[in-house]
Amino acid sequence: MTDKPNTPQNAEQEPKNKKPDSAEGKPASVSNPAADASANPSSAKSSGGKQAAADREKKRSVKRAEKTSEKASEKQADKTARDAATGAADEAHDEAEQDGGEDRSWYFWPMIGAIVMFAAPVLVLLLALLLTIFNKPNNLADWVSIFRDLFIILLAVEGMLIGVALIVLILQLAALVNLLQNEITPIVDNLNQASSTVRGTAEFMSQNVVEPVVKIGAVMAATGGIVRELLGVRRAIKGASRSNKKALKE
């Protein structure tokens, strides 16, 4: 017999004709984990140790994540607190600068005016002295006129200084009046209101609480005295009647 050539059709038919071992009546072996574990206790212990190590590592990772989140939240809270403190300090500094500018505004320009008024005559005086020195006067009349002019200038400067002092005094008086109107007067009004409130409270308490309590106490004391007297009279009458009965019996 001649062998059939190995064609693709024959190659496809051969696997179909073949049957697996399980089909011939030999059942496939099924693995039993309990049997394997009992057969190999060392492998079971190693797998349990690996599982415990994995659980411990997982717990450590969770704890590390919690610590990291807590540190991040603490850093964020510290940063927020620092930012808030910095903002409050900046606001306080700005408010202080604004208050200082407002307080300075009412006396700044008068002070500048006073300085200018004082400096102008001094400059004129120095200029006159320089001109006198460089011109070199030769007679007494020129010297007398120079000293006269200097004296007149000094008197003018003194008058201007007195005027500046009066202006400052007026400004101080205006500030004092403003203080009295805006701060002292409300304080006095509040004190008057508080005293009137205390007076009214005392009158109300005396009329509605103290006086009724005193009257009730007086009435109760009088009633108690009357009751005691009546009881005493009754006891005296009973004692007298008993003594009379005893005397009659004897």
Protein backbone atom coordinates (compact mmCIF):
# COMPACT_ATOMS: atom_id res chain seq x y z
CA MET A 1 0.00 0.00 0.00
CA THR A 2 1.23 3.35 -0.84
CA ASP A 3 1.24 6.07 1.74
CA LYS A 4 -1.08 8.96 1.21
CA PRO A 5 0.61 12.24 0.67
CA ASN A 6 0.49 14.65 3.57
CA THR A 7 -1.85 17.17 2.12
CA PRO A 8 -3.55 20.00 4.00
CA GLN A 9 -6.86 18.11 3.94
CA ASN A 10 -5.31 15.07 5.59
CA ALA A 11 -3.65 17.33 8.14
CA GLU A 12 -7.04 18.82 9.00
CA GLN A 13 -8.68 15.39 9.29
CA GLU A 14 -6.06 13.94 11.64
CA PRO A 15 -6.89 16.22 14.61
CA LYS A 16 -10.55 15.46 14.18
CA ASN A 17 -9.90 11.72 14.34
CA LYS A 18 -7.83 12.07 17.47
CA LYS A 19 -9.64 12.15 20.81
CA PRO A 20 -8.40 13.75 23.96
CA ASP A 21 -7.34 11.62 26.84
CA SER A 22 -10.27 12.72 28.90
CA ALA A 23 -12.65 11.33 26.33
CA GLU A 24 -11.11 7.84 26.60
CA GLY A 25 -12.40 7.44 30.14
CA LYS A 26 -9.58 9.02 32.07
CA PRO A 27 -10.97 11.94 34.06
CA ALA A 28 -8.85 15.05 34.32
CA SER A 29 -7.28 15.67 37.64
CA VAL A 30 -8.96 18.47 39.68
CA SER A 31 -6.83 20.38 42.15
CA ASN A 32 -8.06 20.55 45.77
CA PRO A 33 -6.73 23.59 47.68
CA ALA A 34 -7.35 21.99 51.08
CA ALA A 35 -5.53 18.86 50.04
CA ASP A 36 -2.71 20.91 48.58
CA ALA A 37 -2.49 22.95 51.77
CA SER A 38 -2.45 19.81 53.92
CA ALA A 39 0.06 18.21 51.61
CA ASN A 40 2.31 21.27 51.54
CA PRO A 41 2.10 23.07 54.93
CA SER A 42 5.28 25.04 54.26
CA SER A 43 3.80 26.58 51.11
CA ALA A 44 0.60 27.48 53.05
CA LYS A 45 2.62 29.15 55.79
CA SER A 46 4.68 31.08 53.25
CA SER A 47 1.54 32.27 51.46
CA GLY A 48 -0.03 33.30 54.81
CA GLY A 49 3.13 35.19 55.76
CA LYS A 50 3.13 36.95 52.41
CA GLN A 51 -0.50 37.94 52.89
CA ALA A 52 0.21 39.27 56.40
CA ALA A 53 3.23 41.17 55.13
CA ALA A 54 1.12 42.63 52.34
CA ASP A 55 -1.54 43.69 54.88
CA ARG A 56 1.08 45.29 57.12
CA GLU A 57 2.59 47.12 54.16
CA LYS A 58 -0.87 48.31 53.16
CA LYS A 59 -1.54 49.60 56.70
CA ARG A 60 1.83 51.36 56.73
CA SER A 61 1.08 53.00 53.40
CA VAL A 62 -2.32 54.13 54.69
CA LYS A 63 -0.74 55.57 57.85
CA ARG A 64 1.93 57.33 55.79
CA ALA A 65 -0.77 58.79 53.54
CA GLU A 66 -2.73 59.98 56.61
CA LYS A 67 0.38 61.55 58.14
CA THR A 68 1.20 63.23 54.83
CA SER A 69 -2.33 64.61 54.54
CA GLU A 70 -2.24 65.84 58.18
CA LYS A 71 1.10 67.56 57.60
CA ALA A 72 -0.22 69.14 54.41
CA SER A 73 -3.36 70.37 56.22
CA GLU A 74 -1.25 71.75 59.11
CA LYS A 75 1.04 73.54 56.66
CA GLN A 76 -1.98 74.96 54.85
CA ALA A 77 -3.50 76.12 58.16
CA ASP A 78 -0.21 77.72 59.24
CA LYS A 79 0.10 79.44 55.88
CA THR A 80 -3.47 80.70 56.11
CA ALA A 81 -2.86 81.98 59.67
CA ARG A 82 0.35 83.72 58.60
CA ASP A 83 -1.40 85.29 55.63
CA ALA A 84 -4.25 86.46 57.87
CA ALA A 85 -1.82 87.91 60.42
CA THR A 86 0.16 89.64 57.67
CA GLY A 87 -3.02 91.05 56.17
CA ALA A 88 -4.22 92.29 59.57
CA ALA A 89 -0.83 93.91 60.25
CA ASP A 90 -0.86 95.59 56.84
CA GLU A 91 -4.41 96.86 57.39
CA ALA A 92 -3.48 98.18 60.84
CA HIS A 93 -0.39 99.88 59.39
CA ASP A 94 -2.46 101.45 56.60
CA GLU A 95 -5.09 102.62 59.09
CA ALA A 96 -2.38 104.07 61.34
CA GLU A 97 -0.86 105.90 58.38
CA GLN A 98 -4.27 107.24 57.38
CA ASP A 99 -5.02 108.33 60.95
CA GLY A 100 -1.60 109.96 61.21
CA GLY A 101 -2.16 111.78 57.93
CA GLU A 102 -5.59 112.96 59.05
CA ASP A 103 -4.23 114.12 62.43
CA ARG A 104 -1.32 115.88 60.77
CA SER A 105 -3.39 117.61 58.11
CA TRP A 106 -4.91 120.22 60.43
CA TYR A 107 -1.60 121.62 61.73
CA PHE A 108 0.78 120.83 58.86
CA TRP A 109 0.01 123.79 56.62
CA PRO A 110 -0.18 126.35 59.46
CA MET A 111 3.24 125.17 60.58
CA ILE A 112 4.61 125.57 57.05
CA GLY A 113 3.16 129.08 56.90
CA ALA A 114 4.70 130.00 60.26
CA ILE A 115 8.11 128.71 59.14
CA VAL A 116 7.91 130.72 55.93
CA MET A 117 6.84 133.85 57.80
CA PHE A 118 9.74 133.44 60.22
CA ALA A 119 12.33 132.55 57.58
CA ALA A 120 11.53 135.41 55.19
CA PRO A 121 12.48 138.27 57.59
CA VAL A 122 15.60 136.39 58.69
CA LEU A 123 16.68 136.03 55.08
CA VAL A 124 16.01 139.72 54.47
CA LEU A 125 18.04 140.60 57.57
CA LEU A 126 20.96 138.44 56.46
CA LEU A 127 20.82 139.97 53.00
CA ALA A 128 20.89 143.48 54.48
CA LEU A 129 23.90 142.59 56.63
CA LEU A 130 25.75 141.17 53.65
CA LEU A 131 25.03 144.24 51.55
CA THR A 132 26.16 146.48 54.41
CA ILE A 133 29.42 144.58 54.85
CA PHE A 134 30.25 144.57 51.16
CA ASN A 135 29.28 148.26 50.62
CA LYS A 136 31.51 149.41 53.54
CA PRO A 137 29.72 152.55 54.86
CA ASN A 138 32.08 155.35 55.83
CA ASN A 139 30.03 157.68 57.98
CA LEU A 140 28.00 157.39 61.18
CA ALA A 141 24.68 158.20 59.51
CA ASP A 142 24.89 155.12 57.39
CA TRP A 143 25.58 152.96 60.46
CA VAL A 144 22.69 154.57 62.35
CA SER A 145 20.34 153.97 59.44
CA ILE A 146 21.54 150.38 59.20
CA PHE A 147 20.90 149.68 62.90
CA ARG A 148 17.55 151.46 62.69
CA ASP A 149 16.49 149.27 59.80
CA LEU A 150 17.66 146.18 61.64
CA PHE A 151 15.69 147.19 64.73
CA ILE A 152 12.58 147.80 62.64
CA ILE A 153 13.00 144.41 61.00
CA LEU A 154 13.39 142.71 64.38
CA LEU A 155 10.23 144.41 65.63
CA ALA A 156 8.39 143.23 62.53
CA VAL A 157 9.65 139.69 63.09
CA GLU A 158 8.53 139.84 66.71
CA GLY A 159 5.09 141.02 65.64
CA MET A 160 4.83 138.18 63.14
CA LEU A 161 5.89 135.68 65.79
CA ILE A 162 3.25 137.04 68.14
CA GLY A 163 0.68 136.69 65.35
CA VAL A 164 1.76 133.10 64.70
CA ALA A 165 1.51 132.35 68.43
CA LEU A 166 -1.99 133.81 68.48
CA ILE A 167 -2.95 131.68 65.46
CA VAL A 168 -1.62 128.56 67.18
CA LEU A 169 -3.50 129.50 70.35
CA ILE A 170 -6.72 129.92 68.38
CA LEU A 171 -6.19 126.55 66.70
CA GLN A 172 -5.59 124.91 70.07
CA LEU A 173 -8.74 126.50 71.47
CA ALA A 174 -10.69 125.27 68.44
CA ALA A 175 -9.32 121.76 68.98
CA LEU A 176 -10.28 121.94 72.67
CA VAL A 177 -13.80 123.08 71.83
CA ASN A 178 -14.09 120.30 69.26
CA LEU A 179 -12.91 117.80 71.85
CA LEU A 180 -15.44 119.08 74.37
CA GLN A 181 -18.26 118.92 71.85
CA ASN A 182 -17.46 115.53 70.36
CA GLU A 183 -16.13 113.56 73.34
CA ILE A 184 -16.70 115.23 76.69
CA THR A 185 -20.31 116.25 76.04
CA PRO A 186 -21.42 112.71 75.03
CA ILE A 187 -19.71 111.32 78.11
CA VAL A 188 -21.53 113.81 80.34
CA ASP A 189 -24.83 113.02 78.60
CA ASN A 190 -24.26 109.30 79.13
CA LEU A 191 -23.53 109.91 82.80
CA ASN A 192 -26.72 111.94 83.15
CA GLN A 193 -28.73 109.21 81.45
CA ALA A 194 -27.15 106.55 83.65
CA SER A 195 -27.88 108.54 86.81
CA SER A 196 -31.48 109.16 85.74
CA THR A 197 -31.87 105.45 84.94
CA VAL A 198 -30.51 104.48 88.35
CA ARG A 199 -32.79 107.00 90.03
CA GLY A 200 -35.84 105.68 88.17
CA THR A 201 -34.89 102.08 88.97
CA ALA A 202 -34.54 102.93 92.66
CA GLU A 203 -37.92 104.68 92.70
CA PHE A 204 -39.57 101.78 90.88
CA MET A 205 -38.09 99.23 93.28
CA SER A 206 -39.09 101.27 96.32
CA GLN A 207 -42.65 101.77 95.10
CA ASN A 208 -43.35 98.31 93.66
CA VAL A 209 -41.18 95.98 95.74
CA VAL A 210 -39.94 97.48 98.98
CA GLU A 211 -43.09 99.31 100.05
CA PRO A 212 -45.47 96.34 99.45
CA VAL A 213 -43.10 94.00 101.26
CA VAL A 214 -42.91 96.38 104.23
CA LYS A 215 -46.70 96.74 104.32
CA ILE A 216 -47.24 92.98 104.11
CA GLY A 217 -44.70 92.43 106.88
CA ALA A 218 -46.42 95.02 109.08
CA VAL A 219 -49.85 93.47 108.48
CA MET A 220 -48.55 89.99 109.21
CA ALA A 221 -46.84 91.18 112.38
CA ALA A 222 -50.03 92.91 113.56
CA THR A 223 -52.11 89.83 112.72
CA GLY A 224 -49.70 87.59 114.59
CA GLY A 225 -49.82 89.86 117.63
CA ILE A 226 -53.62 89.87 117.62
CA VAL A 227 -53.73 86.08 117.29
CA ARG A 228 -51.27 85.66 120.13
CA GLU A 229 -53.32 87.97 122.36
CA LEU A 230 -56.53 86.12 121.54
CA LEU A 231 -54.90 82.78 122.30
CA GLY A 232 -53.58 84.18 125.58
CA VAL A 233 -57.04 85.43 126.55
CA ARG A 234 -58.53 82.04 125.68
CA ARG A 235 -55.96 80.22 127.77
CA ALA A 236 -56.58 82.62 130.67
CA ILE A 237 -60.34 82.06 130.45
CA LYS A 238 -59.88 78.29 130.35
CA GLY A 239 -57.54 78.43 133.33
CA ALA A 240 -60.02 80.56 135.30
CA SER A 241 -62.93 78.24 134.47
CA ARG A 242 -60.92 75.19 135.53
CA SER A 243 -59.96 76.81 138.81
CA ASN A 244 -63.62 77.72 139.46
CA LYS A 245 -64.71 74.15 138.76
CA LYS A 246 -62.12 72.80 141.15
CA ALA A 247 -63.21 75.26 143.82
CA LEU A 248 -66.86 74.25 143.41
CA LYS A 249 -65.99 70.58 143.64
CA GLU A 250 -64.09 71.11 146.84
